Amino acid sequence: MSRLSRTDRPYDIVLFGATGFAGTLTAEYLAAHAPEGLRWAVAGRSGRKLEELRERLPGGEKIGALRADVSEPATLRALAEQARVVATTVGPYVEYGEELVAACADTGADYADLTGEPEFVDLMYVRHDARARETGARLVHACGFDSVPHDLGAYFTVRHLPEDVPLTVDGYVTADAAFSGGTFASALNQFGRPGALRAAARDRRR
């Protein structure tokens, strides 16, 4: 378990990958909408980029900065030990995500990502769910575009339909936008791994 209890940790939220495309958007949103008194920090590989980001954010002098790198698991463990919640935008997750999930599961920090990679979600369940249950960590995947419009659309639709009857909801999304580099890399990665994706799904069903 972590050296600190969840309530004693210095940060309520740590945003990992804060200087990337999606991470910067998330940091800007947090800076503009975080409730008064929220203790939060940005985290990533480059201390210089983190400081540059803080300087651009409103109230940046109150935002922490933590250096952490997916190639250095000890830094991810240290990050998780300081946070009640860790949010990450670092993908492709099947390549770069597991060490952070493992650190959160082991230290009891809650975890959220915006992955759209089913293989990653299934593998993390198989490998880390049991430990997360022991420590009380909650591991929540797909908090971004791959989930939110569809979940909210289904919820909105079902609320306007009769109760206690069989329902099927088909969703359609159109967009006029470009993929970020990370999203494009994740998509290519999943298309290139159909066998691994099926194997992960089979393992989770077992």
C-alpha atoms as a PDB file:
ATOM      1  CA  MET A   1       0.000   0.000   0.000  1.00  0.00           C
ATOM      2  CA  SER A   2       1.088   3.628  -0.379  1.00  0.00           C
ATOM      3  CA  ARG A   3       3.170   5.292   2.318  1.00  0.00           C
ATOM      4  CA  LEU A   4       0.365   7.888   2.594  1.00  0.00           C
ATOM      5  CA  SER A   5      -3.326   7.267   3.048  1.00  0.00           C
ATOM      6  CA  ARG A   6      -5.561   8.593   0.305  1.00  0.00           C
ATOM      7  CA  THR A   7      -6.631  11.584   2.386  1.00  0.00           C
ATOM      8  CA  ASP A   8      -3.050  12.541   3.264  1.00  0.00           C
ATOM      9  CA  ARG A   9      -1.798  12.721  -0.329  1.00  0.00           C
ATOM     10  CA  PRO A  10      -0.641  16.143  -1.515  1.00  0.00           C
ATOM     11  CA  TYR A  11      -2.732  16.188  -4.702  1.00  0.00           C
ATOM     12  CA  ASP A  12      -6.381  15.450  -5.368  1.00  0.00           C
ATOM     13  CA  ILE A  13      -5.680  15.024  -9.103  1.00  0.00           C
ATOM     14  CA  VAL A  14      -2.487  14.506 -11.079  1.00  0.00           C
ATOM     15  CA  LEU A  15      -2.770  14.855 -14.849  1.00  0.00           C
ATOM     16  CA  PHE A  16      -0.149  12.705 -16.597  1.00  0.00           C
ATOM     17  CA  GLY A  17       0.733  13.590 -20.181  1.00  0.00           C
ATOM     18  CA  ALA A  18      -0.259  17.198 -19.574  1.00  0.00           C
ATOM     19  CA  THR A  19       1.945  18.711 -22.282  1.00  0.00           C
ATOM     20  CA  GLY A  20       0.575  16.601 -25.159  1.00  0.00           C
ATOM     21  CA  PHE A  21      -2.365  17.588 -27.351  1.00  0.00           C
ATOM     22  CA  ALA A  22      -5.168  16.045 -25.283  1.00  0.00           C
ATOM     23  CA  GLY A  23      -3.293  16.660 -22.047  1.00  0.00           C
ATOM     24  CA  THR A  24      -2.990  20.393 -22.689  1.00  0.00           C
ATOM     25  CA  LEU A  25      -6.704  20.659 -23.445  1.00  0.00           C
ATOM     26  CA  THR A  26      -7.457  18.821 -20.209  1.00  0.00           C
ATOM     27  CA  ALA A  27      -5.078  21.009 -18.195  1.00  0.00           C
ATOM     28  CA  GLU A  28      -6.667  24.154 -19.627  1.00  0.00           C
ATOM     29  CA  TYR A  29     -10.122  22.877 -18.704  1.00  0.00           C
ATOM     30  CA  LEU A  30      -9.055  22.016 -15.167  1.00  0.00           C
ATOM     31  CA  ALA A  31      -7.414  25.400 -14.696  1.00  0.00           C
ATOM     32  CA  ALA A  32     -10.606  27.153 -15.807  1.00  0.00           C
ATOM     33  CA  HIS A  33     -13.167  24.954 -14.020  1.00  0.00           C
ATOM     34  CA  ALA A  34     -11.532  23.298 -11.024  1.00  0.00           C
ATOM     35  CA  PRO A  35     -13.381  23.989  -7.773  1.00  0.00           C
ATOM     36  CA  GLU A  36     -11.777  26.296  -5.237  1.00  0.00           C
ATOM     37  CA  GLY A  37      -9.244  24.458  -3.131  1.00  0.00           C
ATOM     38  CA  LEU A  38      -8.605  21.597  -5.565  1.00  0.00           C
ATOM     39  CA  ARG A  39      -5.008  20.488  -5.206  1.00  0.00           C
ATOM     40  CA  TRP A  40      -3.759  19.325  -8.569  1.00  0.00           C
ATOM     41  CA  ALA A  41      -0.590  18.874 -10.566  1.00  0.00           C
ATOM     42  CA  VAL A  42       0.562  18.355 -14.125  1.00  0.00           C
ATOM     43  CA  ALA A  43       2.987  15.535 -14.884  1.00  0.00           C
ATOM     44  CA  GLY A  44       5.083  14.370 -17.815  1.00  0.00           C
ATOM     45  CA  ARG A  45       8.550  13.594 -19.121  1.00  0.00           C
ATOM     46  CA  SER A  46       9.873  17.117 -19.621  1.00  0.00           C
ATOM     47  CA  GLY A  47      10.256  19.419 -16.654  1.00  0.00           C
ATOM     48  CA  ARG A  48      10.798  22.353 -19.002  1.00  0.00           C
ATOM     49  CA  LYS A  49       7.548  21.758 -20.886  1.00  0.00           C
ATOM     50  CA  LEU A  50       5.651  21.344 -17.636  1.00  0.00           C
ATOM     51  CA  GLU A  51       6.916  24.701 -16.387  1.00  0.00           C
ATOM     52  CA  GLU A  52       6.006  26.349 -19.706  1.00  0.00           C
ATOM     53  CA  LEU A  53       2.503  24.902 -19.419  1.00  0.00           C
ATOM     54  CA  ARG A  54       2.083  26.139 -15.853  1.00  0.00           C
ATOM     55  CA  GLU A  55       3.106  29.638 -16.911  1.00  0.00           C
ATOM     56  CA  ARG A  56       0.324  29.683 -19.530  1.00  0.00           C
ATOM     57  CA  LEU A  57      -2.410  28.410 -17.202  1.00  0.00           C
ATOM     58  CA  PRO A  58      -4.466  30.745 -15.015  1.00  0.00           C
ATOM     59  CA  GLY A  59      -3.401  30.225 -11.421  1.00  0.00           C
ATOM     60  CA  GLY A  60      -0.420  28.223 -12.636  1.00  0.00           C
ATOM     61  CA  GLU A  61       1.677  29.160  -9.626  1.00  0.00           C
ATOM     62  CA  LYS A  62      -0.633  26.999  -7.480  1.00  0.00           C
ATOM     63  CA  ILE A  63      -0.401  23.970  -9.785  1.00  0.00           C
ATOM     64  CA  GLY A  64       2.174  21.321  -8.977  1.00  0.00           C
ATOM     65  CA  ALA A  65       4.564  19.816 -11.531  1.00  0.00           C
ATOM     66  CA  LEU A  66       5.814  16.235 -11.339  1.00  0.00           C
ATOM     67  CA  ARG A  67       8.307  14.639 -13.680  1.00  0.00           C
ATOM     68  CA  ALA A  68       7.360  11.064 -14.590  1.00  0.00           C
ATOM     69  CA  ASP A  69       8.233   8.815 -17.522  1.00  0.00           C
ATOM     70  CA  VAL A  70       6.643   5.549 -18.683  1.00  0.00           C
ATOM     71  CA  SER A  71      10.146   4.142 -19.231  1.00  0.00           C
ATOM     72  CA  GLU A  72      10.922   4.702 -15.527  1.00  0.00           C
ATOM     73  CA  PRO A  73       8.355   2.758 -13.462  1.00  0.00           C
ATOM     74  CA  ALA A  74       9.677   4.173 -10.186  1.00  0.00           C
ATOM     75  CA  THR A  75       8.632   7.666 -11.273  1.00  0.00           C
ATOM     76  CA  LEU A  76       5.104   6.427 -11.994  1.00  0.00           C
ATOM     77  CA  ARG A  77       4.937   4.787  -8.578  1.00  0.00           C
ATOM     78  CA  ALA A  78       6.040   8.067  -6.965  1.00  0.00           C
ATOM     79  CA  LEU A  79       3.387   9.933  -8.972  1.00  0.00           C
ATOM     80  CA  ALA A  80       0.618   7.539  -7.931  1.00  0.00           C
ATOM     81  CA  GLU A  81       1.623   7.753  -4.265  1.00  0.00           C
ATOM     82  CA  GLN A  82       1.082  11.523  -4.325  1.00  0.00           C
ATOM     83  CA  ALA A  83      -2.393  11.495  -5.920  1.00  0.00           C
ATOM     84  CA  ARG A  84      -5.902  10.583  -4.897  1.00  0.00           C
ATOM     85  CA  VAL A  85      -6.773  10.408  -8.621  1.00  0.00           C
ATOM     86  CA  VAL A  86      -4.457  10.006 -11.613  1.00  0.00           C
ATOM     87  CA  ALA A  87      -5.797  10.999 -15.039  1.00  0.00           C
ATOM     88  CA  THR A  88      -3.681  10.101 -18.057  1.00  0.00           C
ATOM     89  CA  THR A  89      -3.734  11.023 -21.729  1.00  0.00           C
ATOM     90  CA  VAL A  90      -0.589   9.083 -22.664  1.00  0.00           C
ATOM     91  CA  GLY A  91      -1.172   6.576 -25.468  1.00  0.00           C
ATOM     92  CA  PRO A  92      -1.151   4.298 -27.340  1.00  0.00           C
ATOM     93  CA  TYR A  93      -2.107   2.743 -24.047  1.00  0.00           C
ATOM     94  CA  VAL A  94      -1.303  -0.842 -24.961  1.00  0.00           C
ATOM     95  CA  GLU A  95       2.309   0.326 -25.406  1.00  0.00           C
ATOM     96  CA  TYR A  96       2.656   3.012 -22.744  1.00  0.00           C
ATOM     97  CA  GLY A  97      -0.181   2.586 -20.262  1.00  0.00           C
ATOM     98  CA  GLU A  98       0.266  -0.530 -18.139  1.00  0.00           C
ATOM     99  CA  GLU A  99       2.975   0.638 -15.740  1.00  0.00           C
ATOM    100  CA  LEU A 100       0.799   3.535 -14.592  1.00  0.00           C
ATOM    101  CA  VAL A 101      -2.244   1.284 -14.140  1.00  0.00           C
ATOM    102  CA  ALA A 102      -0.088  -1.086 -12.098  1.00  0.00           C
ATOM    103  CA  ALA A 103       1.229   1.772  -9.942  1.00  0.00           C
ATOM    104  CA  CYS A 104      -2.279   3.056  -9.248  1.00  0.00           C
ATOM    105  CA  ALA A 105      -3.644  -0.406  -8.493  1.00  0.00           C
ATOM    106  CA  ASP A 106      -0.779  -1.074  -6.102  1.00  0.00           C
ATOM    107  CA  THR A 107      -0.920   2.252  -4.226  1.00  0.00           C
ATOM    108  CA  GLY A 108      -4.696   2.654  -4.084  1.00  0.00           C
ATOM    109  CA  ALA A 109      -4.845   5.718  -6.324  1.00  0.00           C
ATOM    110  CA  ASP A 110      -7.915   6.011  -8.526  1.00  0.00           C
ATOM    111  CA  TYR A 111      -7.121   5.933 -12.248  1.00  0.00           C
ATOM    112  CA  ALA A 112      -8.861   7.378 -15.320  1.00  0.00           C
ATOM    113  CA  ASP A 113      -7.848   7.392 -18.974  1.00  0.00           C
ATOM    114  CA  LEU A 114      -9.395   8.167 -22.364  1.00  0.00           C
ATOM    115  CA  THR A 115      -8.293   5.038 -24.184  1.00  0.00           C
ATOM    116  CA  GLY A 116     -10.285   3.658 -27.087  1.00  0.00           C
ATOM    117  CA  GLU A 117      -8.271   0.407 -27.142  1.00  0.00           C
ATOM    118  CA  PRO A 118     -10.375  -2.628 -26.122  1.00  0.00           C
ATOM    119  CA  GLU A 119      -7.296  -4.843 -25.884  1.00  0.00           C
ATOM    120  CA  PHE A 120      -5.778  -2.539 -23.267  1.00  0.00           C
ATOM    121  CA  VAL A 121      -8.975  -2.396 -21.217  1.00  0.00           C
ATOM    122  CA  ASP A 122      -9.289  -6.188 -21.189  1.00  0.00           C
ATOM    123  CA  LEU A 123      -5.616  -6.748 -20.335  1.00  0.00           C
ATOM    124  CA  MET A 124      -5.723  -4.280 -17.449  1.00  0.00           C
ATOM    125  CA  TYR A 125      -8.754  -6.037 -16.015  1.00  0.00           C
ATOM    126  CA  VAL A 126      -7.069  -9.434 -16.221  1.00  0.00           C
ATOM    127  CA  ARG A 127      -3.739  -8.243 -14.805  1.00  0.00           C
ATOM    128  CA  HIS A 128      -4.622  -5.554 -12.254  1.00  0.00           C
ATOM    129  CA  ASP A 129      -8.282  -5.719 -11.178  1.00  0.00           C
ATOM    130  CA  ALA A 130      -7.629  -8.097  -8.284  1.00  0.00           C
ATOM    131  CA  ARG A 131      -4.905  -5.866  -6.819  1.00  0.00           C
ATOM    132  CA  ALA A 132      -7.026  -2.750  -7.294  1.00  0.00           C
ATOM    133  CA  ARG A 133      -9.831  -4.374  -5.301  1.00  0.00           C
ATOM    134  CA  GLU A 134      -7.387  -5.104  -2.469  1.00  0.00           C
ATOM    135  CA  THR A 135      -6.165  -1.488  -2.256  1.00  0.00           C
ATOM    136  CA  GLY A 136      -9.469   0.213  -3.094  1.00  0.00           C
ATOM    137  CA  ALA A 137      -8.215   1.733  -6.344  1.00  0.00           C
ATOM    138  CA  ARG A 138     -10.872   2.361  -8.989  1.00  0.00           C
ATOM    139  CA  LEU A 139      -9.632   1.835 -12.558  1.00  0.00           C
ATOM    140  CA  VAL A 140     -11.845   3.674 -15.063  1.00  0.00           C
ATOM    141  CA  HIS A 141     -11.120   3.503 -18.799  1.00  0.00           C
ATOM    142  CA  ALA A 142     -12.502   5.196 -21.916  1.00  0.00           C
ATOM    143  CA  CYS A 143     -13.434   8.533 -20.321  1.00  0.00           C
ATOM    144  CA  GLY A 144     -13.054  10.443 -23.595  1.00  0.00           C
ATOM    145  CA  PHE A 145     -14.723  10.646 -26.974  1.00  0.00           C
ATOM    146  CA  ASP A 146     -14.799   6.884 -27.526  1.00  0.00           C
ATOM    147  CA  SER A 147     -17.246   6.533 -24.636  1.00  0.00           C
ATOM    148  CA  VAL A 148     -18.861   9.791 -23.570  1.00  0.00           C
ATOM    149  CA  PRO A 149     -21.038  10.755 -26.596  1.00  0.00           C
ATOM    150  CA  HIS A 150     -22.302   7.197 -26.959  1.00  0.00           C
ATOM    151  CA  ASP A 151     -23.016   6.663 -23.251  1.00  0.00           C
ATOM    152  CA  LEU A 152     -24.763  10.013 -22.879  1.00  0.00           C
ATOM    153  CA  GLY A 153     -26.669   9.522 -26.130  1.00  0.00           C
ATOM    154  CA  ALA A 154     -27.937   6.119 -25.014  1.00  0.00           C
ATOM    155  CA  TYR A 155     -28.827   7.469 -21.566  1.00  0.00           C
ATOM    156  CA  PHE A 156     -30.739  10.425 -23.048  1.00  0.00           C
ATOM    157  CA  THR A 157     -32.614   8.166 -25.463  1.00  0.00           C
ATOM    158  CA  VAL A 158     -33.561   5.534 -22.873  1.00  0.00           C
ATOM    159  CA  ARG A 159     -34.924   8.211 -20.529  1.00  0.00           C
ATOM    160  CA  HIS A 160     -37.439   9.153 -23.242  1.00  0.00           C
ATOM    161  CA  LEU A 161     -38.594   5.594 -23.991  1.00  0.00           C
ATOM    162  CA  PRO A 162     -40.988   3.318 -22.097  1.00  0.00           C
ATOM    163  CA  GLU A 163     -39.651   1.438 -19.093  1.00  0.00           C
ATOM    164  CA  ASP A 164     -39.557  -2.337 -18.669  1.00  0.00           C
ATOM    165  CA  VAL A 165     -39.526  -3.163 -22.382  1.00  0.00           C
ATOM    166  CA  PRO A 166     -36.682  -4.580 -24.495  1.00  0.00           C
ATOM    167  CA  LEU A 167     -34.654  -1.762 -26.067  1.00  0.00           C
ATOM    168  CA  THR A 168     -31.932  -1.544 -28.668  1.00  0.00           C
ATOM    169  CA  VAL A 169     -30.150   1.757 -29.254  1.00  0.00           C
ATOM    170  CA  ASP A 170     -28.046   2.321 -32.381  1.00  0.00           C
ATOM    171  CA  GLY A 171     -25.774   5.342 -32.296  1.00  0.00           C
ATOM    172  CA  TYR A 172     -24.248   7.326 -35.137  1.00  0.00           C
ATOM    173  CA  VAL A 173     -21.585   9.996 -34.917  1.00  0.00           C
ATOM    174  CA  THR A 174     -20.453  12.434 -37.577  1.00  0.00           C
ATOM    175  CA  ALA A 175     -17.564  14.812 -37.059  1.00  0.00           C
ATOM    176  CA  ASP A 176     -15.659  17.406 -38.995  1.00  0.00           C
ATOM    177  CA  ALA A 177     -12.306  17.221 -37.235  1.00  0.00           C
ATOM    178  CA  ALA A 178      -8.828  15.752 -37.504  1.00  0.00           C
ATOM    179  CA  PHE A 179      -7.381  13.042 -35.267  1.00  0.00           C
ATOM    180  CA  SER A 180      -4.655  13.967 -32.824  1.00  0.00           C
ATOM    181  CA  GLY A 181      -1.362  12.139 -33.289  1.00  0.00           C
ATOM    182  CA  GLY A 182      -1.992   9.963 -30.239  1.00  0.00           C
ATOM    183  CA  THR A 183      -5.481   8.958 -31.367  1.00  0.00           C
ATOM    184  CA  PHE A 184      -4.209   8.088 -34.842  1.00  0.00           C
ATOM    185  CA  ALA A 185      -1.365   6.015 -33.378  1.00  0.00           C
ATOM    186  CA  SER A 186      -3.779   4.150 -31.098  1.00  0.00           C
ATOM    187  CA  ALA A 187      -6.095   3.352 -34.016  1.00  0.00           C
ATOM    188  CA  LEU A 188      -3.252   2.061 -36.188  1.00  0.00           C
ATOM    189  CA  ASN A 189      -1.942   0.014 -33.291  1.00  0.00           C
ATOM    190  CA  GLN A 190      -5.305  -1.707 -32.724  1.00  0.00           C
ATOM    191  CA  PHE A 191      -5.890  -2.384 -36.420  1.00  0.00           C
ATOM    192  CA  GLY A 192      -2.479  -4.055 -36.545  1.00  0.00           C
ATOM    193  CA  ARG A 193      -3.157  -6.339 -33.550  1.00  0.00           C
ATOM    194  CA  PRO A 194      -6.390  -8.260 -34.256  1.00  0.00           C
ATOM    195  CA  GLY A 195      -5.062 -11.507 -32.806  1.00  0.00           C
ATOM    196  CA  ALA A 196      -3.861  -9.885 -29.583  1.00  0.00           C
ATOM    197  CA  LEU A 197      -7.163  -8.029 -29.250  1.00  0.00           C
ATOM    198  CA  ARG A 198      -9.182 -11.264 -29.536  1.00  0.00           C
ATOM    199  CA  ALA A 199      -6.866 -13.067 -27.096  1.00  0.00           C
ATOM    200  CA  ALA A 200      -7.255 -10.305 -24.488  1.00  0.00           C
ATOM    201  CA  ALA A 201     -11.035 -10.461 -24.820  1.00  0.00           C
ATOM    202  CA  ARG A 202     -10.971 -14.254 -24.364  1.00  0.00           C
ATOM    203  CA  ASP A 203      -8.798 -13.947 -21.252  1.00  0.00           C
ATOM    204  CA  ARG A 204     -11.157 -11.424 -19.708  1.00  0.00           C
ATOM    205  CA  ARG A 205     -14.226 -13.595 -20.378  1.00  0.00           C
ATOM    206  CA  ARG A 206     -12.512 -16.465 -18.569  1.00  0.00           C
END
